[in-house]
Amino acid sequence: MLWNILGAAAFAALVILLCWALRGLTLLPVRTGEGTRIRLRLDISGPDPALEGAVAAIEWLRANGTLRCEIELRDLGADEATRAVMEALCRAGRVSIVNEGE
């Protein structure tokens, strides 16, 4: 009986370890060449209450080395509140803003 319990616990631990390893493979860093830069552009139009959360998620990927990129926000007619958030993120040095014509 004890061996059955220990065997089941060992099997469960192996399954958990396998799932953890597979999850790690999905977060492999994006590799680029020496002359290549990644620029991630978010096109924003209208109200976007989730903008700061989206930028924070991209920054998290950038901070842990998964995605080395610059973040650009393109204003395609954002409302005043969203534009204020965009400008605050730009002042904090977290993003750069690209206007519609650029």
C-alpha atoms as a PDB file:
ATOM      1  CA  MET A   1       0.000   0.000   0.000  1.00  0.00           C
ATOM      2  CA  LEU A   2       2.800   2.400   0.908  1.00  0.00           C
ATOM      3  CA  TRP A   3       4.594   1.632  -2.363  1.00  0.00           C
ATOM      4  CA  ASN A   4       1.438   2.447  -4.322  1.00  0.00           C
ATOM      5  CA  ILE A   5       1.177   5.839  -2.632  1.00  0.00           C
ATOM      6  CA  LEU A   6       4.874   6.605  -3.165  1.00  0.00           C
ATOM      7  CA  GLY A   7       4.666   5.506  -6.796  1.00  0.00           C
ATOM      8  CA  ALA A   8       1.616   7.684  -7.426  1.00  0.00           C
ATOM      9  CA  ALA A   9       3.321  10.670  -5.761  1.00  0.00           C
ATOM     10  CA  ALA A  10       6.460  10.156  -7.858  1.00  0.00           C
ATOM     11  CA  PHE A  11       4.388   9.888 -11.036  1.00  0.00           C
ATOM     12  CA  ALA A  12       2.472  13.069 -10.150  1.00  0.00           C
ATOM     13  CA  ALA A  13       5.761  14.878  -9.502  1.00  0.00           C
ATOM     14  CA  LEU A  14       7.085  13.795 -12.905  1.00  0.00           C
ATOM     15  CA  VAL A  15       3.936  15.008 -14.650  1.00  0.00           C
ATOM     16  CA  ILE A  16       4.182  18.378 -12.889  1.00  0.00           C
ATOM     17  CA  LEU A  17       7.867  18.650 -13.819  1.00  0.00           C
ATOM     18  CA  LEU A  18       7.082  17.846 -17.447  1.00  0.00           C
ATOM     19  CA  CYS A  19       4.320  20.476 -17.582  1.00  0.00           C
ATOM     20  CA  TRP A  20       6.641  23.055 -16.004  1.00  0.00           C
ATOM     21  CA  ALA A  21       9.367  22.282 -18.559  1.00  0.00           C
ATOM     22  CA  LEU A  22       6.937  22.559 -21.485  1.00  0.00           C
ATOM     23  CA  ARG A  23       5.680  25.885 -20.169  1.00  0.00           C
ATOM     24  CA  GLY A  24       9.266  27.119 -20.047  1.00  0.00           C
ATOM     25  CA  LEU A  25       9.732  26.244 -23.712  1.00  0.00           C
ATOM     26  CA  THR A  26       6.888  28.550 -24.673  1.00  0.00           C
ATOM     27  CA  LEU A  27       8.752  31.506 -23.138  1.00  0.00           C
ATOM     28  CA  LEU A  28      12.030  31.118 -25.010  1.00  0.00           C
ATOM     29  CA  PRO A  29      13.663  34.455 -25.827  1.00  0.00           C
ATOM     30  CA  VAL A  30      13.197  35.899 -29.294  1.00  0.00           C
ATOM     31  CA  ARG A  31      16.595  35.815 -30.986  1.00  0.00           C
ATOM     32  CA  THR A  32      17.602  38.367 -33.594  1.00  0.00           C
ATOM     33  CA  GLY A  33      20.699  39.031 -35.640  1.00  0.00           C
ATOM     34  CA  GLU A  34      23.261  41.695 -34.809  1.00  0.00           C
ATOM     35  CA  GLY A  35      21.773  44.229 -37.215  1.00  0.00           C
ATOM     36  CA  THR A  36      18.155  43.554 -36.323  1.00  0.00           C
ATOM     37  CA  ARG A  37      16.016  45.504 -33.878  1.00  0.00           C
ATOM     38  CA  ILE A  38      12.491  44.633 -32.882  1.00  0.00           C
ATOM     39  CA  ARG A  39      10.058  47.506 -32.608  1.00  0.00           C
ATOM     40  CA  LEU A  40       6.617  46.666 -31.259  1.00  0.00           C
ATOM     41  CA  ARG A  41       3.963  49.163 -32.338  1.00  0.00           C
ATOM     42  CA  LEU A  42       0.538  49.356 -30.728  1.00  0.00           C
ATOM     43  CA  ASP A  43      -2.036  51.134 -32.908  1.00  0.00           C
ATOM     44  CA  ILE A  44      -4.488  52.949 -30.661  1.00  0.00           C
ATOM     45  CA  SER A  45      -7.820  54.426 -31.709  1.00  0.00           C
ATOM     46  CA  GLY A  46     -10.626  55.472 -29.440  1.00  0.00           C
ATOM     47  CA  PRO A  47     -10.701  54.691 -25.723  1.00  0.00           C
ATOM     48  CA  ASP A  48      -8.344  52.006 -24.431  1.00  0.00           C
ATOM     49  CA  PRO A  49      -8.585  51.475 -20.663  1.00  0.00           C
ATOM     50  CA  ALA A  50      -6.230  48.466 -20.851  1.00  0.00           C
ATOM     51  CA  LEU A  51      -3.341  50.339 -22.484  1.00  0.00           C
ATOM     52  CA  GLU A  52      -1.188  50.661 -19.381  1.00  0.00           C
ATOM     53  CA  GLY A  53      -1.673  46.974 -18.565  1.00  0.00           C
ATOM     54  CA  ALA A  54      -0.688  45.974 -22.095  1.00  0.00           C
ATOM     55  CA  VAL A  55       2.463  48.088 -21.905  1.00  0.00           C
ATOM     56  CA  ALA A  56       3.274  46.614 -18.486  1.00  0.00           C
ATOM     57  CA  ALA A  57       2.917  43.079 -19.880  1.00  0.00           C
ATOM     58  CA  ILE A  58       5.260  43.867 -22.781  1.00  0.00           C
ATOM     59  CA  GLU A  59       7.719  45.465 -20.353  1.00  0.00           C
ATOM     60  CA  TRP A  60       7.623  42.304 -18.242  1.00  0.00           C
ATOM     61  CA  LEU A  61       8.591  40.251 -21.297  1.00  0.00           C
ATOM     62  CA  ARG A  62      11.332  42.762 -22.027  1.00  0.00           C
ATOM     63  CA  ALA A  63      12.619  42.768 -18.438  1.00  0.00           C
ATOM     64  CA  ASN A  64      12.964  38.994 -18.201  1.00  0.00           C
ATOM     65  CA  GLY A  65      14.749  38.826 -21.562  1.00  0.00           C
ATOM     66  CA  THR A  66      12.008  37.070 -23.504  1.00  0.00           C
ATOM     67  CA  LEU A  67      11.309  39.937 -25.909  1.00  0.00           C
ATOM     68  CA  ARG A  68      13.955  42.612 -26.458  1.00  0.00           C
ATOM     69  CA  CYS A  69      12.078  45.391 -28.188  1.00  0.00           C
ATOM     70  CA  GLU A  70      11.226  49.050 -28.266  1.00  0.00           C
ATOM     71  CA  ILE A  71       7.587  49.927 -27.644  1.00  0.00           C
ATOM     72  CA  GLU A  72       5.871  52.466 -29.881  1.00  0.00           C
ATOM     73  CA  LEU A  73       2.347  53.753 -29.518  1.00  0.00           C
ATOM     74  CA  ARG A  74       0.713  55.045 -32.702  1.00  0.00           C
ATOM     75  CA  ASP A  75      -2.126  57.475 -32.170  1.00  0.00           C
ATOM     76  CA  LEU A  76      -4.877  56.741 -34.680  1.00  0.00           C
ATOM     77  CA  GLY A  77      -7.451  58.914 -32.957  1.00  0.00           C
ATOM     78  CA  ALA A  78      -7.214  58.030 -29.278  1.00  0.00           C
ATOM     79  CA  ASP A  79      -9.592  59.801 -26.927  1.00  0.00           C
ATOM     80  CA  GLU A  80      -8.325  62.405 -24.435  1.00  0.00           C
ATOM     81  CA  ALA A  81      -7.991  60.016 -21.472  1.00  0.00           C
ATOM     82  CA  THR A  82      -6.072  57.459 -23.514  1.00  0.00           C
ATOM     83  CA  ARG A  83      -3.881  60.178 -25.007  1.00  0.00           C
ATOM     84  CA  ALA A  84      -3.067  61.375 -21.473  1.00  0.00           C
ATOM     85  CA  VAL A  85      -2.016  57.829 -20.521  1.00  0.00           C
ATOM     86  CA  MET A  86       0.099  57.609 -23.683  1.00  0.00           C
ATOM     87  CA  GLU A  87       1.841  60.886 -22.860  1.00  0.00           C
ATOM     88  CA  ALA A  88       2.454  59.815 -19.254  1.00  0.00           C
ATOM     89  CA  LEU A  89       4.030  56.559 -20.451  1.00  0.00           C
ATOM     90  CA  CYS A  90       6.198  58.521 -22.874  1.00  0.00           C
ATOM     91  CA  ARG A  91       7.310  60.999 -20.180  1.00  0.00           C
ATOM     92  CA  ALA A  92       8.266  58.058 -17.966  1.00  0.00           C
ATOM     93  CA  GLY A  93      10.496  56.779 -20.773  1.00  0.00           C
ATOM     94  CA  ARG A  94       8.559  53.544 -21.142  1.00  0.00           C
ATOM     95  CA  VAL A  95       7.347  54.086 -24.732  1.00  0.00           C
ATOM     96  CA  SER A  96       7.645  56.437 -27.676  1.00  0.00           C
ATOM     97  CA  ILE A  97       4.658  57.971 -29.441  1.00  0.00           C
ATOM     98  CA  VAL A  98       4.291  57.961 -33.224  1.00  0.00           C
ATOM     99  CA  ASN A  99       1.618  60.172 -34.743  1.00  0.00           C
ATOM    100  CA  GLU A 100      -0.709  58.933 -37.476  1.00  0.00           C
ATOM    101  CA  GLY A 101       1.228  60.512 -40.352  1.00  0.00           C
ATOM    102  CA  GLU A 102       4.637  59.073 -39.384  1.00  0.00           C
END
